[in-house]
Amino acid sequence: MGLVLLLLLLALVFGGLGLLVEGLKWVLIIAVVLFIAGALSGVRARGRRL
């Protein structure tokens, strides 16, 4: 019974870490897309003023 509880606990810990890594990966992808969109928008706006 103790082994089963230990395995369940390890599965929960590693599953949670996997979800955290997956979430951080998506946050990084969204941040890069927003950065590129902002850079393109800034270049376009700066070009209009000159």
N, C-alpha and C. Protein backbone atom coordinates (compact mmCIF):
# COMPACT_ATOMS: atom_id res chain seq x y z
N MET A 1 0.83 -1.20 0.00
CA MET A 1 0.00 0.00 0.00
C MET A 1 0.88 1.26 0.00
N GLY A 2 1.96 1.20 0.76
CA GLY A 2 2.85 2.36 0.80
C GLY A 2 3.50 2.62 -0.55
N LEU A 3 3.83 1.53 -1.25
CA LEU A 3 4.44 1.68 -2.57
C LEU A 3 3.47 2.31 -3.56
N VAL A 4 2.20 1.93 -3.46
CA VAL A 4 1.17 2.49 -4.34
C VAL A 4 1.02 3.98 -4.08
N LEU A 5 1.00 4.36 -2.80
CA LEU A 5 0.89 5.78 -2.47
C LEU A 5 2.11 6.56 -2.96
N LEU A 6 3.28 5.97 -2.81
CA LEU A 6 4.50 6.62 -3.28
C LEU A 6 4.47 6.82 -4.80
N LEU A 7 4.04 5.78 -5.51
CA LEU A 7 3.95 5.90 -6.97
C LEU A 7 2.92 6.93 -7.39
N LEU A 8 1.78 6.98 -6.71
CA LEU A 8 0.76 8.00 -7.01
C LEU A 8 1.30 9.40 -6.75
N LEU A 9 2.01 9.56 -5.65
CA LEU A 9 2.58 10.87 -5.32
C LEU A 9 3.61 11.29 -6.36
N LEU A 10 4.46 10.36 -6.77
CA LEU A 10 5.46 10.67 -7.80
C LEU A 10 4.80 11.01 -9.13
N ALA A 11 3.73 10.28 -9.47
CA ALA A 11 3.01 10.57 -10.72
C ALA A 11 2.40 11.96 -10.68
N LEU A 12 1.85 12.33 -9.54
CA LEU A 12 1.27 13.67 -9.41
C LEU A 12 2.33 14.76 -9.51
N VAL A 13 3.47 14.53 -8.87
CA VAL A 13 4.55 15.53 -8.89
C VAL A 13 5.08 15.69 -10.31
N PHE A 14 5.41 14.56 -10.97
CA PHE A 14 5.97 14.66 -12.31
C PHE A 14 4.94 15.14 -13.32
N GLY A 15 3.68 14.78 -13.13
CA GLY A 15 2.62 15.28 -13.99
C GLY A 15 2.44 16.78 -13.85
N GLY A 16 2.52 17.25 -12.60
CA GLY A 16 2.42 18.70 -12.36
C GLY A 16 3.58 19.44 -12.98
N LEU A 17 4.78 18.86 -12.87
CA LEU A 17 5.95 19.50 -13.49
C LEU A 17 5.81 19.53 -15.00
N GLY A 18 5.27 18.45 -15.57
CA GLY A 18 5.06 18.42 -17.01
C GLY A 18 4.08 19.49 -17.46
N LEU A 19 3.01 19.66 -16.69
CA LEU A 19 2.03 20.71 -17.02
C LEU A 19 2.65 22.09 -16.89
N LEU A 20 3.47 22.27 -15.87
CA LEU A 20 4.13 23.57 -15.69
C LEU A 20 5.06 23.88 -16.86
N VAL A 21 5.84 22.90 -17.28
CA VAL A 21 6.74 23.10 -18.42
C VAL A 21 5.95 23.39 -19.68
N GLU A 22 4.86 22.66 -19.89
CA GLU A 22 4.02 22.87 -21.07
C GLU A 22 3.42 24.29 -21.05
N GLY A 23 2.95 24.71 -19.88
CA GLY A 23 2.40 26.07 -19.75
C GLY A 23 3.45 27.13 -20.02
N LEU A 24 4.66 26.94 -19.48
CA LEU A 24 5.73 27.91 -19.71
C LEU A 24 6.13 27.98 -21.19
N LYS A 25 6.06 26.83 -21.86
CA LYS A 25 6.38 26.81 -23.29
C LYS A 25 5.37 27.65 -24.07
N TRP A 26 4.09 27.51 -23.74
CA TRP A 26 3.06 28.29 -24.43
C TRP A 26 3.18 29.78 -24.09
N VAL A 27 3.52 30.10 -22.85
CA VAL A 27 3.71 31.51 -22.47
C VAL A 27 4.87 32.10 -23.27
N LEU A 28 5.93 31.34 -23.45
CA LEU A 28 7.08 31.82 -24.22
C LEU A 28 6.69 32.04 -25.68
N ILE A 29 5.93 31.11 -26.26
CA ILE A 29 5.50 31.26 -27.65
C ILE A 29 4.64 32.50 -27.81
N ILE A 30 3.69 32.71 -26.90
CA ILE A 30 2.81 33.88 -26.98
C ILE A 30 3.62 35.17 -26.81
N ALA A 31 4.60 35.16 -25.90
CA ALA A 31 5.42 36.36 -25.69
C ALA A 31 6.23 36.69 -26.93
N VAL A 32 6.77 35.69 -27.61
CA VAL A 32 7.54 35.94 -28.83
C VAL A 32 6.65 36.49 -29.93
N VAL A 33 5.45 35.93 -30.07
CA VAL A 33 4.51 36.43 -31.10
C VAL A 33 4.13 37.88 -30.81
N LEU A 34 3.83 38.19 -29.55
CA LEU A 34 3.47 39.57 -29.21
C LEU A 34 4.65 40.52 -29.40
N PHE A 35 5.86 40.06 -29.09
CA PHE A 35 7.05 40.89 -29.29
C PHE A 35 7.23 41.21 -30.77
N ILE A 36 7.09 40.21 -31.63
CA ILE A 36 7.24 40.43 -33.07
C ILE A 36 6.15 41.36 -33.58
N ALA A 37 4.91 41.15 -33.13
CA ALA A 37 3.81 42.03 -33.56
C ALA A 37 4.05 43.47 -33.11
N GLY A 38 4.54 43.64 -31.89
CA GLY A 38 4.83 44.98 -31.39
C GLY A 38 5.97 45.63 -32.15
N ALA A 39 7.00 44.86 -32.48
CA ALA A 39 8.13 45.41 -33.22
C ALA A 39 7.69 45.83 -34.62
N LEU A 40 6.91 45.00 -35.28
CA LEU A 40 6.42 45.36 -36.62
C LEU A 40 5.52 46.58 -36.56
N SER A 41 4.68 46.65 -35.56
CA SER A 41 3.79 47.81 -35.40
C SER A 41 4.60 49.08 -35.14
N GLY A 42 5.65 48.97 -34.32
CA GLY A 42 6.48 50.14 -34.04
C GLY A 42 7.25 50.61 -35.25
N VAL A 43 7.76 49.68 -36.03
CA VAL A 43 8.49 50.04 -37.25
C VAL A 43 7.55 50.73 -38.23
N ARG A 44 6.34 50.20 -38.35
CA ARG A 44 5.36 50.77 -39.27
C ARG A 44 4.95 52.18 -38.82
N ALA A 45 4.74 52.37 -37.51
CA ALA A 45 4.33 53.67 -36.98
C ALA A 45 5.47 54.68 -37.11
N ARG A 46 6.70 54.25 -36.86
CA ARG A 46 7.84 55.16 -36.96
C ARG A 46 8.08 55.56 -38.41
N GLY A 47 7.84 54.67 -39.33
CA GLY A 47 8.01 54.99 -40.74
C GLY A 47 7.02 56.02 -41.24
N ARG A 48 5.83 56.04 -40.66
CA ARG A 48 4.81 57.01 -41.09
C ARG A 48 5.14 58.43 -40.62
N ARG A 49 5.80 58.54 -39.47
CA ARG A 49 6.09 59.88 -38.93
C ARG A 49 7.19 60.59 -39.70
N LEU A 50 8.09 59.84 -40.29
CA LEU A 50 9.23 60.49 -40.95
C LEU A 50 8.86 61.09 -42.27
